[in-house]
């Protein structure tokens, strides 16, 4: 039986101006694949909402005591040492060449990243974990080096206390985590790539279309919920 949806699929896969000309099988597959890979516009989401969604996931927690004195060791994951972050809710964008050609790190350039990742509410800054920068850099470069959309970075203890239900032991409070999107890419694809690196934590939040990346131990989780989970501490 002829599939009644096939003509519609064929028409959708045709490039503009193709008219009624015959299309080869390879052309059709290329265009159809591109059609399937089109990424819908992600939903608008506030930072407070992100915090609520992450609350209740033990994987986002870390024991703060002594952690800041022992940051995770940096590891070169193949990024070019250049990182661009955009914060649309503030109208901000920075590009920093945080790693020099000799492999050393440029603290003055890292200050640019600290600034854009500063805490909401208080404006406080902390230097982000170098491993986190390497993870973000590798993700950015994997998808063309056009920059990452930063939804949440450092969260100061003062700001964290203001958000009802917020995680009290979050890696965001150390500057070890970032919630991001990659323009033009679906979060499932981004999370899948980050997971393969096994360089830190990867959380996939499909309902809010974002990915949590952190410099903790390698692990992965997926959270699907439209409302925050009850608060619970890690075991």
Protein backbone atom coordinates (compact mmCIF):
# COMPACT_ATOMS: atom_id res chain seq x y z
CA UNK A 1 0.00 0.00 0.00
CA UNK A 2 1.29 3.43 -0.89
CA UNK A 3 2.11 5.56 2.12
CA UNK A 4 -0.14 8.67 1.97
CA UNK A 5 2.48 10.70 3.84
CA UNK A 6 5.23 10.02 1.31
CA UNK A 7 4.31 12.88 -1.09
CA UNK A 8 4.33 15.31 1.83
CA UNK A 9 7.70 14.02 3.03
CA UNK A 10 9.12 14.29 -0.46
CA UNK A 11 7.84 17.84 -0.89
CA UNK A 12 9.27 18.89 2.45
CA UNK A 13 12.65 17.43 1.62
CA UNK A 14 12.91 19.23 -1.72
CA UNK A 15 15.25 22.23 -1.65
CA UNK A 16 13.84 25.60 -2.61
CA UNK A 17 13.54 26.04 -6.36
CA UNK A 18 13.78 22.32 -7.09
CA UNK A 19 10.44 22.39 -8.89
CA UNK A 20 9.35 19.13 -10.42
CA UNK A 21 12.81 17.89 -11.45
CA UNK A 22 13.79 14.38 -10.51
CA UNK A 23 15.91 14.01 -7.40
CA UNK A 24 18.45 11.27 -6.92
CA UNK A 25 18.20 8.96 -3.94
CA UNK A 26 21.32 10.46 -2.39
CA UNK A 27 20.00 14.02 -2.80
CA UNK A 28 16.72 13.03 -1.21
CA UNK A 29 18.44 11.38 1.76
CA UNK A 30 20.73 14.38 2.29
CA UNK A 31 17.82 16.81 2.27
CA UNK A 32 15.56 14.56 4.34
CA UNK A 33 18.29 14.11 6.97
CA UNK A 34 18.74 17.88 7.15
CA UNK A 35 14.99 18.25 7.60
CA UNK A 36 14.99 15.81 10.50
CA UNK A 37 17.94 17.57 12.14
CA UNK A 38 16.29 20.98 12.19
CA UNK A 39 16.27 22.13 15.80
CA UNK A 40 13.13 23.79 17.18
CA UNK A 41 13.45 27.05 19.06
CA UNK A 42 14.20 26.26 22.72
CA UNK A 43 11.74 27.45 25.37
CA UNK A 44 12.37 30.57 27.40
CA UNK A 45 13.58 29.60 30.87
CA UNK A 46 14.74 31.67 33.83
CA UNK A 47 17.80 30.87 35.90
CA UNK A 48 15.58 30.38 38.94
CA UNK A 49 13.65 27.79 36.96
CA UNK A 50 16.86 25.96 36.07
CA UNK A 51 17.82 25.84 39.72
CA UNK A 52 14.43 24.37 40.61
CA UNK A 53 14.74 21.72 37.92
CA UNK A 54 18.19 20.69 39.10
CA UNK A 55 17.05 20.52 42.72
CA UNK A 56 16.46 16.93 43.82
CA UNK A 57 19.07 15.42 41.49
CA UNK A 58 21.81 14.01 43.75
CA UNK A 59 24.21 14.04 40.79
CA UNK A 60 24.29 17.84 40.86
CA UNK A 61 25.45 17.92 44.48
CA UNK A 62 28.93 18.03 45.96
CA UNK A 63 30.15 18.22 49.53
CA UNK A 64 31.46 21.77 49.82
CA UNK A 65 33.80 21.23 52.78
CA UNK A 66 37.36 21.17 51.46
CA UNK A 67 36.28 20.99 47.82
CA UNK A 68 37.36 24.52 46.87
CA UNK A 69 40.88 23.75 48.11
CA UNK A 70 41.07 20.75 45.80
CA UNK A 71 39.72 21.77 42.39
CA UNK A 72 39.63 19.12 39.66
CA UNK A 73 42.80 18.95 37.58
CA UNK A 74 42.51 20.47 34.09
CA UNK A 75 42.72 18.19 31.08
CA UNK A 76 43.12 19.22 27.44
CA UNK A 77 40.14 17.72 25.60
CA UNK A 78 41.15 18.95 22.15
CA UNK A 79 39.64 22.43 22.30
CA UNK A 80 41.52 25.33 20.76
CA UNK A 81 41.86 27.27 24.01
CA UNK A 82 39.36 29.89 22.91
CA UNK A 83 35.89 30.08 24.44
CA UNK A 84 32.92 32.28 23.56
CA UNK A 85 29.99 32.56 25.94
CA UNK A 86 26.80 34.57 25.47
CA UNK A 87 24.33 35.49 28.19
CA UNK A 88 21.17 36.62 26.32
CA UNK A 89 19.22 37.54 29.45
CA UNK A 90 21.88 40.18 30.19
CA UNK A 91 22.80 41.04 26.61
CA UNK A 92 26.41 40.01 27.24
CA UNK A 93 28.96 38.10 25.17
CA UNK A 94 32.66 37.48 25.73
CA UNK A 95 35.44 35.64 23.94
CA UNK A 96 38.49 34.61 25.92
CA UNK A 97 41.69 32.88 24.82
CA UNK A 98 42.07 31.22 28.19
CA UNK A 99 44.84 28.76 27.22
CA UNK A 100 48.09 29.81 25.56
CA UNK A 101 49.82 27.85 22.81
CA UNK A 102 52.34 26.48 25.30
CA UNK A 103 49.50 24.96 27.33
CA UNK A 104 49.64 27.45 30.20
CA UNK A 105 46.53 29.33 31.31
CA UNK A 106 46.02 33.07 30.99
CA UNK A 107 44.47 34.33 34.22
CA UNK A 108 43.65 37.74 32.75
CA UNK A 109 41.62 36.12 29.97
CA UNK A 110 39.96 33.80 32.47
CA UNK A 111 38.74 36.89 34.33
CA UNK A 112 36.52 37.61 31.30
CA UNK A 113 34.87 34.22 31.75
CA UNK A 114 34.55 34.75 35.51
CA UNK A 115 32.75 38.00 34.78
CA UNK A 116 30.14 36.59 32.42
CA UNK A 117 29.66 33.57 34.68
CA UNK A 118 29.17 35.80 37.74
CA UNK A 119 26.34 35.07 40.12
CA UNK A 120 22.92 36.50 39.48
CA UNK A 121 21.49 38.62 42.25
CA UNK A 122 24.79 39.41 43.95
CA UNK A 123 27.20 39.91 41.05
CA UNK A 124 29.86 37.94 42.92
CA UNK A 125 32.56 36.23 40.89
CA UNK A 126 34.81 33.23 41.33
CA UNK A 127 37.36 31.70 39.00
CA UNK A 128 35.77 28.75 37.22
CA UNK A 129 37.43 25.35 37.33
CA UNK A 130 39.90 25.01 34.46
CA UNK A 131 38.53 21.55 33.71
CA UNK A 132 35.08 23.11 33.21
CA UNK A 133 36.55 25.58 30.69
CA UNK A 134 38.15 22.71 28.79
CA UNK A 135 34.84 20.84 28.70
CA UNK A 136 32.96 23.90 27.45
CA UNK A 137 35.67 24.59 24.87
CA UNK A 138 35.51 21.03 23.50
CA UNK A 139 31.71 21.22 23.22
CA UNK A 140 31.85 24.59 21.48
CA UNK A 141 34.47 23.45 18.99
CA UNK A 142 32.56 20.24 18.23
CA UNK A 143 29.68 22.33 16.91
CA UNK A 144 31.55 24.89 14.86
CA UNK A 145 33.06 27.22 17.44
CA UNK A 146 30.21 29.70 17.21
CA UNK A 147 29.82 30.15 20.94
CA UNK A 148 27.68 28.71 23.72
CA UNK A 149 24.58 30.16 25.33
CA UNK A 150 25.19 30.37 29.07
CA UNK A 151 22.02 30.02 31.13
CA UNK A 152 23.62 29.70 34.56
CA UNK A 153 27.18 29.70 35.83
CA UNK A 154 28.50 30.56 39.27
CA UNK A 155 25.90 30.86 42.04
CA UNK A 156 27.03 32.61 45.21
CA UNK A 157 25.82 31.23 48.55
CA UNK A 158 23.87 34.45 49.06
CA UNK A 159 22.01 34.11 45.77
CA UNK A 160 21.50 30.40 46.27
CA UNK A 161 19.77 31.02 49.60
CA UNK A 162 17.31 33.40 47.94
CA UNK A 163 15.97 30.78 45.53
CA UNK A 164 13.27 28.61 47.14
CA UNK A 165 14.13 24.91 46.97
CA UNK A 166 17.63 25.46 45.59
CA UNK A 167 20.29 22.79 46.04
CA UNK A 168 22.42 23.67 49.06
CA UNK A 169 25.46 21.73 47.88
CA UNK A 170 25.49 22.50 44.16
CA UNK A 171 28.68 22.46 42.07
CA UNK A 172 27.53 25.82 40.71
CA UNK A 173 28.47 27.26 44.11
CA UNK A 174 32.12 26.33 43.47
CA UNK A 175 32.33 27.60 39.91
CA UNK A 176 32.55 24.00 38.73
CA UNK A 177 29.33 23.90 36.68
CA UNK A 178 27.47 25.61 33.86
CA UNK A 179 24.05 25.17 32.29
CA UNK A 180 24.26 25.73 28.55
CA UNK A 181 22.68 25.48 25.13
CA UNK A 182 24.43 25.27 21.77
CA UNK A 183 22.64 27.45 19.19
CA UNK A 184 21.23 25.33 16.38
CA UNK A 185 21.82 22.03 18.19
CA UNK A 186 19.41 19.93 20.19
CA UNK A 187 20.31 19.30 23.84
CA UNK A 188 20.18 15.51 23.37
CA UNK A 189 22.97 15.68 20.79
CA UNK A 190 25.06 18.03 22.94
CA UNK A 191 24.61 15.85 26.02
CA UNK A 192 25.52 12.75 24.02
CA UNK A 193 28.78 14.26 22.85
CA UNK A 194 29.70 15.57 26.29
CA UNK A 195 28.93 12.19 27.81
CA UNK A 196 31.35 10.45 25.46
CA UNK A 197 34.21 12.65 26.69
CA UNK A 198 33.83 11.25 30.22
CA UNK A 199 35.49 14.36 31.58
CA UNK A 200 32.82 15.40 34.10
CA UNK A 201 29.15 15.40 34.92
CA UNK A 202 26.52 15.69 32.18
CA UNK A 203 22.88 16.34 32.97
CA UNK A 204 20.26 16.35 30.21
CA UNK A 205 17.05 18.32 30.87
CA UNK A 206 14.84 17.89 27.80
CA UNK A 207 11.81 19.76 29.16
CA UNK A 208 13.82 22.97 29.48
CA UNK A 209 16.15 22.13 26.55
CA UNK A 210 19.46 22.62 28.34
CA UNK A 211 22.52 20.63 29.38
CA UNK A 212 24.28 20.81 32.74
CA UNK A 213 28.05 20.35 32.52
CA UNK A 214 30.37 20.16 35.49
CA UNK A 215 33.96 19.33 36.42
CA UNK A 216 33.07 16.61 38.90
CA UNK A 217 33.46 12.89 38.37
CA UNK A 218 32.26 11.43 35.06
CA UNK A 219 28.56 10.60 35.27
CA UNK A 220 25.33 11.13 33.35
CA UNK A 221 21.70 11.67 34.22
CA UNK A 222 18.50 12.66 32.46
CA UNK A 223 15.69 14.50 34.18
CA UNK A 224 12.22 14.76 32.67
CA UNK A 225 9.76 16.70 34.74
CA UNK A 226 7.61 19.78 34.33
CA UNK A 227 7.79 20.70 38.01
CA UNK A 228 10.61 20.64 40.55
CA UNK A 229 11.19 17.47 42.53
CA UNK A 230 11.00 17.43 46.33
CA UNK A 231 14.34 18.43 47.86
CA UNK A 232 16.50 15.54 49.05
CA UNK A 233 20.12 15.30 50.09
CA UNK A 234 22.56 12.87 48.52
CA UNK A 235 23.18 9.62 50.30
